[in-house]
């Protein structure tokens, strides 16, 4: 596997690397447990704008949020993520794989569909340039790229008045290139934003479900430790590639990372995806639905890899049927011949059918 070349730089804090997490067991004990909003941690209340270290073993699913329940929710999420994905050396492949597997089981309070990207605090939520994801794709392909210290804070977004949980987190920037869902280094600015980010923010709706998750560099560097800045490969315009051993990459975006090797539906599924991918390429769909976001969509949908396309296929079919896709460079409906639209729709439905068959086989054989 090709691993990103690196050079050593120091973190701004200059503090030594923290190999694990410290749990303050008294966070929600005694009087603090009766009023979590006043719980004192690290010299101040949980909602004081700095990170609290500590977590109570409480359920992630709680009633609609108020300040007290938001603190409880934050504590539980912080513990779950720090337990699954603790701060370790950022090139630790075994830790990354363990984190990925653990997050397949963790129940985070996410909506089925969420938006992800840089925080852009100067914009209203609806105007932020974010990427639409199925929450399980996000949780198992993107979230494992971060390590979590277990520290957090809570606040309210001033524009939308949405409750926000801020989680101290650091990006794994020196993994093998195939561990990233696509080449984040296609944009130097995007790669830098990932490397310098030090927190994950979750925005919650009134029912206590996160509908937007963002990364930002406005958090603390205290737990980062010495950091290794990656020198990335040149981006050649390809979102998928083969490594020196002829293995398709990025492997995390392939069906092999979602389905077991014994699934008899994989060959037909792969063939149906390829047919679908060719159809949407010929119809110019991939001009918009790739990370480069040429149309500058405020809510980008990605289709450039098997797992990204699989997660969005129901939405794709709906939009093709309703004439909402494809669009031109300014976001207006693009007219294509009726037979071409029918061919794209047929390829999308065939792909969904094969995907459904593969999912059913996995479900039927999970306990065997």
Protein backbone atom coordinates (compact mmCIF):
# COMPACT_ATOMS: atom_id res chain seq x y z
CA UNK A 1 0.00 0.00 0.00
CA UNK A 2 1.21 3.51 -0.81
CA UNK A 3 1.49 5.59 2.35
CA UNK A 4 1.64 9.34 2.27
CA UNK A 5 5.20 10.68 2.54
CA UNK A 6 5.68 12.78 5.62
CA UNK A 7 7.83 15.35 7.34
CA UNK A 8 7.85 16.16 11.03
CA UNK A 9 6.39 19.38 12.38
CA UNK A 10 5.41 20.30 15.92
CA UNK A 11 1.88 20.97 17.05
CA UNK A 12 1.08 24.49 18.19
CA UNK A 13 0.66 23.30 21.74
CA UNK A 14 3.98 21.49 21.84
CA UNK A 15 2.43 18.97 24.20
CA UNK A 16 3.37 15.27 24.03
CA UNK A 17 1.08 12.85 22.25
CA UNK A 18 -1.73 11.44 24.33
CA UNK A 19 -2.05 7.71 23.65
CA UNK A 20 -5.43 7.30 25.25
CA UNK A 21 -8.19 9.24 26.98
CA UNK A 22 -8.79 10.34 30.53
CA UNK A 23 -12.27 9.79 31.85
CA UNK A 24 -13.49 12.01 34.66
CA UNK A 25 -15.85 9.62 36.36
CA UNK A 26 -17.29 12.33 38.58
CA UNK A 27 -18.71 14.42 35.72
CA UNK A 28 -22.33 13.53 36.34
CA UNK A 29 -22.10 12.27 39.90
CA UNK A 30 -23.57 13.80 43.03
CA UNK A 31 -25.18 17.21 42.65
CA UNK A 32 -23.79 17.58 39.14
CA UNK A 33 -25.80 14.60 37.96
CA UNK A 34 -28.95 16.30 39.19
CA UNK A 35 -28.13 19.41 37.16
CA UNK A 36 -25.68 18.54 34.37
CA UNK A 37 -25.70 22.11 33.08
CA UNK A 38 -23.78 23.12 36.21
CA UNK A 39 -21.36 20.18 36.23
CA UNK A 40 -17.84 21.45 36.94
CA UNK A 41 -15.09 19.91 34.82
CA UNK A 42 -11.55 21.12 34.20
CA UNK A 43 -12.22 24.27 36.21
CA UNK A 44 -15.49 25.38 34.59
CA UNK A 45 -18.98 24.37 33.55
CA UNK A 46 -19.42 22.02 30.62
CA UNK A 47 -20.99 24.74 28.49
CA UNK A 48 -18.31 27.33 29.19
CA UNK A 49 -16.85 27.24 25.68
CA UNK A 50 -13.85 25.02 26.39
CA UNK A 51 -13.65 21.27 26.21
CA UNK A 52 -14.73 19.12 29.09
CA UNK A 53 -12.92 15.86 29.64
CA UNK A 54 -15.07 13.23 30.91
CA UNK A 55 -18.07 11.22 30.33
CA UNK A 56 -20.89 9.56 32.03
CA UNK A 57 -22.10 6.16 30.82
CA UNK A 58 -25.47 7.43 29.66
CA UNK A 59 -27.66 6.57 26.68
CA UNK A 60 -27.15 8.37 23.37
CA UNK A 61 -30.86 8.56 22.70
CA UNK A 62 -32.42 11.16 25.01
CA UNK A 63 -35.57 13.33 24.95
CA UNK A 64 -35.75 16.60 22.95
CA UNK A 65 -32.79 18.78 23.79
CA UNK A 66 -32.50 21.43 26.45
CA UNK A 67 -29.21 22.56 27.98
CA UNK A 68 -29.11 19.77 30.55
CA UNK A 69 -29.96 16.99 28.09
CA UNK A 70 -27.55 18.45 25.52
CA UNK A 71 -24.71 18.13 28.03
CA UNK A 72 -25.72 14.55 28.74
CA UNK A 73 -25.91 13.81 25.02
CA UNK A 74 -22.49 15.41 24.44
CA UNK A 75 -20.91 13.39 27.23
CA UNK A 76 -22.22 10.11 25.84
CA UNK A 77 -21.16 10.88 22.25
CA UNK A 78 -17.71 12.01 23.35
CA UNK A 79 -17.19 8.81 25.32
CA UNK A 80 -18.40 6.58 22.51
CA UNK A 81 -16.12 8.19 19.93
CA UNK A 82 -13.07 8.39 22.20
CA UNK A 83 -13.49 4.73 23.14
CA UNK A 84 -13.84 3.64 19.52
CA UNK A 85 -11.27 6.03 18.04
CA UNK A 86 -8.82 7.28 20.70
CA UNK A 87 -5.93 9.63 19.97
CA UNK A 88 -3.07 7.46 18.70
CA UNK A 89 -0.30 8.02 16.12
CA UNK A 90 -1.98 9.25 12.98
CA UNK A 91 -0.43 6.60 10.74
CA UNK A 92 -1.60 3.72 12.94
CA UNK A 93 -3.40 1.50 10.41
CA UNK A 94 -4.50 -1.08 12.99
CA UNK A 95 -6.11 1.64 15.12
CA UNK A 96 -7.86 3.06 12.06
CA UNK A 97 -9.28 -0.35 11.14
CA UNK A 98 -10.37 -0.96 14.74
CA UNK A 99 -12.07 2.44 14.79
CA UNK A 100 -13.87 1.70 11.53
CA UNK A 101 -15.16 -1.62 12.81
CA UNK A 102 -16.24 -0.13 16.13
CA UNK A 103 -18.16 2.69 14.45
CA UNK A 104 -20.21 0.15 12.52
CA UNK A 105 -21.78 -0.75 15.86
CA UNK A 106 -21.94 2.64 17.62
CA UNK A 107 -25.41 4.20 17.61
CA UNK A 108 -24.93 7.92 17.05
CA UNK A 109 -27.97 10.24 17.02
CA UNK A 110 -27.72 11.11 13.32
CA UNK A 111 -30.55 11.65 10.88
CA UNK A 112 -30.60 9.01 8.11
CA UNK A 113 -29.22 11.72 5.79
CA UNK A 114 -26.77 14.36 6.98
CA UNK A 115 -24.63 17.11 5.46
CA UNK A 116 -20.85 17.21 6.01
CA UNK A 117 -18.07 19.69 5.28
CA UNK A 118 -16.16 22.68 6.57
CA UNK A 119 -18.06 24.67 9.19
CA UNK A 120 -18.25 28.08 7.41
CA UNK A 121 -19.58 29.91 10.50
CA UNK A 122 -19.99 33.17 8.57
CA UNK A 123 -22.79 31.63 6.46
CA UNK A 124 -26.33 30.67 7.35
CA UNK A 125 -26.74 26.91 7.66
CA UNK A 126 -28.80 26.64 4.48
CA UNK A 127 -26.12 28.53 2.52
CA UNK A 128 -23.14 26.46 3.61
CA UNK A 129 -21.45 24.40 0.89
CA UNK A 130 -21.78 20.89 2.30
CA UNK A 131 -21.96 17.35 0.96
CA UNK A 132 -25.04 15.18 1.39
CA UNK A 133 -24.36 11.72 2.86
CA UNK A 134 -26.22 8.69 4.00
CA UNK A 135 -25.38 8.73 7.70
CA UNK A 136 -23.95 5.20 7.68
CA UNK A 137 -21.63 6.06 4.81
CA UNK A 138 -20.47 9.10 6.74
CA UNK A 139 -20.10 7.21 10.01
CA UNK A 140 -18.10 4.32 8.54
CA UNK A 141 -16.07 6.05 5.79
CA UNK A 142 -15.45 9.61 6.98
CA UNK A 143 -15.73 9.71 10.77
CA UNK A 144 -13.03 6.99 11.28
CA UNK A 145 -10.53 9.38 9.70
CA UNK A 146 -10.54 11.27 12.99
CA UNK A 147 -9.25 10.48 16.45
CA UNK A 148 -11.20 11.75 19.47
CA UNK A 149 -9.82 12.86 22.82
CA UNK A 150 -13.11 12.60 24.74
CA UNK A 151 -13.24 16.36 25.33
CA UNK A 152 -16.24 18.41 24.25
CA UNK A 153 -18.25 21.58 24.74
CA UNK A 154 -21.80 22.66 23.88
CA UNK A 155 -23.22 25.88 22.50
CA UNK A 156 -26.02 27.32 20.37
CA UNK A 157 -25.51 28.31 16.74
CA UNK A 158 -26.24 32.03 16.68
CA UNK A 159 -27.83 32.06 13.25
CA UNK A 160 -30.11 29.01 13.38
CA UNK A 161 -30.33 28.66 17.19
CA UNK A 162 -29.51 24.98 16.69
CA UNK A 163 -27.86 23.18 19.62
CA UNK A 164 -24.23 22.34 18.75
CA UNK A 165 -21.86 19.80 20.27
CA UNK A 166 -18.16 20.47 19.65
CA UNK A 167 -15.92 17.40 19.91
CA UNK A 168 -12.15 17.67 20.11
CA UNK A 169 -10.85 15.61 17.16
CA UNK A 170 -7.74 15.28 14.99
CA UNK A 171 -7.45 14.09 11.40
CA UNK A 172 -5.46 10.95 10.50
CA UNK A 173 -3.43 12.52 7.71
CA UNK A 174 -0.76 9.85 7.18
CA UNK A 175 -2.76 6.72 6.42
CA UNK A 176 -2.33 4.73 3.18
CA UNK A 177 -4.01 6.62 0.36
CA UNK A 178 -6.66 3.92 -0.13
CA UNK A 179 -8.06 4.59 3.36
CA UNK A 180 -9.48 7.93 2.21
CA UNK A 181 -12.88 7.75 0.44
CA UNK A 182 -11.45 9.83 -2.40
CA UNK A 183 -8.27 11.89 -2.90
CA UNK A 184 -8.90 14.77 -0.50
CA UNK A 185 -5.66 16.23 -1.90
CA UNK A 186 -7.38 17.00 -5.22
CA UNK A 187 -7.60 20.46 -3.66
CA UNK A 188 -4.66 21.78 -1.63
CA UNK A 189 -7.06 23.95 0.35
CA UNK A 190 -9.33 21.02 1.21
CA UNK A 191 -6.40 18.86 2.34
CA UNK A 192 -5.07 21.69 4.48
CA UNK A 193 -8.52 22.19 6.01
CA UNK A 194 -8.61 18.52 6.99
CA UNK A 195 -5.07 18.58 8.41
CA UNK A 196 -5.59 21.70 10.50
CA UNK A 197 -9.04 20.74 11.77
CA UNK A 198 -9.18 20.02 15.47
CA UNK A 199 -12.86 19.58 16.18
CA UNK A 200 -16.03 18.02 14.85
CA UNK A 201 -19.29 19.92 15.32
CA UNK A 202 -22.72 18.31 15.38
CA UNK A 203 -25.80 20.48 14.78
CA UNK A 204 -29.03 19.12 16.27
CA UNK A 205 -32.68 19.52 15.37
CA UNK A 206 -35.36 19.94 18.08
CA UNK A 207 -35.80 16.15 18.26
CA UNK A 208 -32.17 15.64 19.27
CA UNK A 209 -30.90 14.31 15.92
CA UNK A 210 -27.79 15.67 14.24
CA UNK A 211 -28.58 16.91 10.74
CA UNK A 212 -25.27 18.65 9.96
CA UNK A 213 -21.76 17.56 10.98
CA UNK A 214 -18.80 19.82 10.25
CA UNK A 215 -15.06 20.07 10.76
CA UNK A 216 -13.30 23.22 11.95
CA UNK A 217 -9.93 24.49 13.17
CA UNK A 218 -11.31 26.73 15.92
CA UNK A 219 -10.87 24.14 18.66
CA UNK A 220 -7.97 23.19 20.89
CA UNK A 221 -4.54 21.84 19.92
CA UNK A 222 -3.91 20.66 23.47
CA UNK A 223 -4.29 16.94 22.84
CA UNK A 224 -2.90 16.78 19.29
CA UNK A 225 0.73 16.11 20.22
CA UNK A 226 3.56 16.22 17.66
CA UNK A 227 1.99 16.21 14.22
CA UNK A 228 3.30 14.85 10.95
CA UNK A 229 2.33 16.93 7.95
CA UNK A 230 1.76 14.81 4.85
CA UNK A 231 3.24 15.43 1.44
CA UNK A 232 0.44 14.20 -0.79
CA UNK A 233 0.64 12.57 -4.21
CA UNK A 234 -0.16 14.66 -7.27
CA UNK A 235 -3.83 14.44 -8.21
CA UNK A 236 -4.16 13.19 -11.79
CA UNK A 237 -7.90 13.81 -12.14
CA UNK A 238 -8.91 10.22 -11.32
CA UNK A 239 -11.16 9.57 -8.34
CA UNK A 240 -10.33 5.85 -8.53
CA UNK A 241 -7.03 4.24 -9.42
CA UNK A 242 -4.96 1.06 -9.15
CA UNK A 243 -2.02 0.86 -6.79
CA UNK A 244 1.40 -0.59 -7.53
CA UNK A 245 0.02 -4.10 -6.96
CA UNK A 246 -2.85 -3.60 -9.39
CA UNK A 247 -5.44 -3.36 -6.61
CA UNK A 248 -8.34 -0.95 -7.14
CA UNK A 249 -8.32 2.05 -4.82
CA UNK A 250 -9.62 3.65 -2.71
CA UNK A 251 -10.58 0.30 -1.20
CA UNK A 252 -12.84 1.92 1.42
CA UNK A 253 -15.12 3.13 -1.38
CA UNK A 254 -15.50 -0.29 -3.03
CA UNK A 255 -18.20 -2.88 -2.45
CA UNK A 256 -15.59 -5.18 -0.91
CA UNK A 257 -15.49 -2.89 2.13
CA UNK A 258 -19.27 -3.17 2.60
CA UNK A 259 -20.04 -6.78 1.65
CA UNK A 260 -18.45 -10.07 2.61
CA UNK A 261 -16.31 -11.82 0.01
CA UNK A 262 -18.68 -14.81 0.07
CA UNK A 263 -21.65 -12.77 -1.14
CA UNK A 264 -22.62 -14.41 -4.46
CA UNK A 265 -24.23 -11.20 -5.70
CA UNK A 266 -20.99 -9.21 -5.87
CA UNK A 267 -20.06 -9.93 -9.53
CA UNK A 268 -23.49 -8.93 -10.81
CA UNK A 269 -23.55 -5.93 -8.49
CA UNK A 270 -20.19 -4.73 -9.74
CA UNK A 271 -21.29 -5.17 -13.35
CA UNK A 272 -24.52 -3.24 -12.76
CA UNK A 273 -22.60 -0.41 -11.08
CA UNK A 274 -20.20 -0.16 -14.01
CA UNK A 275 -23.11 0.01 -16.46
CA UNK A 276 -24.74 2.73 -14.34
CA UNK A 277 -21.46 4.67 -14.03
CA UNK A 278 -20.97 4.62 -17.80
CA UNK A 279 -24.50 5.87 -18.36
CA UNK A 280 -24.22 8.80 -15.97
CA UNK A 281 -20.79 9.66 -17.37
CA UNK A 282 -22.16 9.73 -20.91
CA UNK A 283 -25.02 11.95 -19.71
CA UNK A 284 -22.57 14.38 -18.07
CA UNK A 285 -23.85 13.64 -14.55
CA UNK A 286 -20.31 13.24 -13.21
CA UNK A 287 -19.54 16.81 -14.21
CA UNK A 288 -21.51 17.80 -11.11
CA UNK A 289 -21.48 14.78 -8.78
CA UNK A 290 -17.77 14.62 -7.91
CA UNK A 291 -15.81 16.28 -5.08
CA UNK A 292 -14.57 19.05 -7.38
CA UNK A 293 -18.17 20.39 -7.35
CA UNK A 294 -17.89 22.25 -10.65
CA UNK A 295 -21.49 23.45 -10.36
CA UNK A 296 -20.75 24.85 -6.85
CA UNK A 297 -23.81 23.16 -5.40
CA UNK A 298 -24.68 24.14 -1.84
CA UNK A 299 -25.60 20.50 -1.19
CA UNK A 300 -23.29 18.28 -3.20
CA UNK A 301 -24.15 14.63 -3.88
CA UNK A 302 -21.27 12.29 -4.76
CA UNK A 303 -21.59 9.44 -7.26
CA UNK A 304 -17.99 8.85 -8.34
CA UNK A 305 -17.33 5.58 -6.44
CA UNK A 306 -19.37 2.39 -5.88
CA UNK A 307 -20.25 3.05 -2.23
CA UNK A 308 -21.06 6.72 -2.79
CA UNK A 309 -23.35 5.81 -5.70
CA UNK A 310 -24.97 2.96 -3.79
CA UNK A 311 -25.90 5.26 -0.91
CA UNK A 312 -27.55 7.78 -3.25
CA UNK A 313 -29.21 5.49 -5.78
CA UNK A 314 -32.77 5.93 -4.46
CA UNK A 315 -32.40 9.71 -4.65
CA UNK A 316 -30.94 9.43 -8.14
CA UNK A 317 -33.88 7.36 -9.38
CA UNK A 318 -36.36 9.77 -7.82
CA UNK A 319 -34.73 12.81 -9.41
CA UNK A 320 -34.40 11.19 -12.85
CA UNK A 321 -38.09 10.21 -12.79
CA UNK A 322 -39.10 13.74 -11.78
CA UNK A 323 -36.84 15.38 -14.35
CA UNK A 324 -34.65 17.00 -11.71
CA UNK A 325 -31.50 15.39 -13.12
CA UNK A 326 -29.35 16.07 -14.96
CA UNK A 327 -28.71 19.78 -14.44
CA UNK A 328 -26.52 22.21 -16.32
CA UNK A 329 -23.59 24.19 -14.92
CA UNK A 330 -25.86 26.82 -13.34
CA UNK A 331 -28.20 24.31 -11.69
CA UNK A 332 -31.03 24.41 -14.23
CA UNK A 333 -32.68 21.33 -15.69
CA UNK A 334 -30.71 20.01 -18.64
CA UNK A 335 -32.83 18.55 -21.40
CA UNK A 336 -31.58 15.25 -22.77
CA UNK A 337 -33.23 12.94 -25.30
CA UNK A 338 -36.06 10.86 -23.83
CA UNK A 339 -34.35 7.61 -24.82
CA UNK A 340 -31.17 8.69 -23.05
CA UNK A 341 -33.10 9.56 -19.88
CA UNK A 342 -34.85 6.18 -20.06
CA UNK A 343 -31.51 4.40 -20.45
CA UNK A 344 -30.02 6.16 -17.41
CA UNK A 345 -33.13 5.33 -15.37
CA UNK A 346 -33.04 1.67 -16.44
CA UNK A 347 -29.36 1.40 -15.49
CA UNK A 348 -30.04 3.03 -12.11
CA UNK A 349 -32.93 0.67 -11.34
CA UNK A 350 -30.91 -2.37 -12.38
CA UNK A 351 -28.09 -1.22 -10.09
CA UNK A 352 -30.52 -0.73 -7.19
CA UNK A 353 -31.99 -4.20 -7.74
CA UNK A 354 -28.58 -5.86 -7.57
CA UNK A 355 -27.73 -3.80 -4.51
CA UNK A 356 -30.93 -4.93 -2.81
CA UNK A 357 -30.11 -8.57 -3.57
CA UNK A 358 -26.64 -8.20 -2.08
CA UNK A 359 -28.04 -6.52 1.04
CA UNK A 360 -30.62 -9.26 1.50
CA UNK A 361 -27.97 -11.96 1.26
CA UNK A 362 -25.87 -10.19 3.89
CA UNK A 363 -28.85 -9.89 6.22
CA UNK A 364 -29.79 -13.56 5.76
CA UNK A 365 -26.25 -14.78 6.36
CA UNK A 366 -25.10 -12.36 9.04
CA UNK A 367 -25.61 -14.84 11.87
CA UNK A 368 -24.12 -17.84 10.06
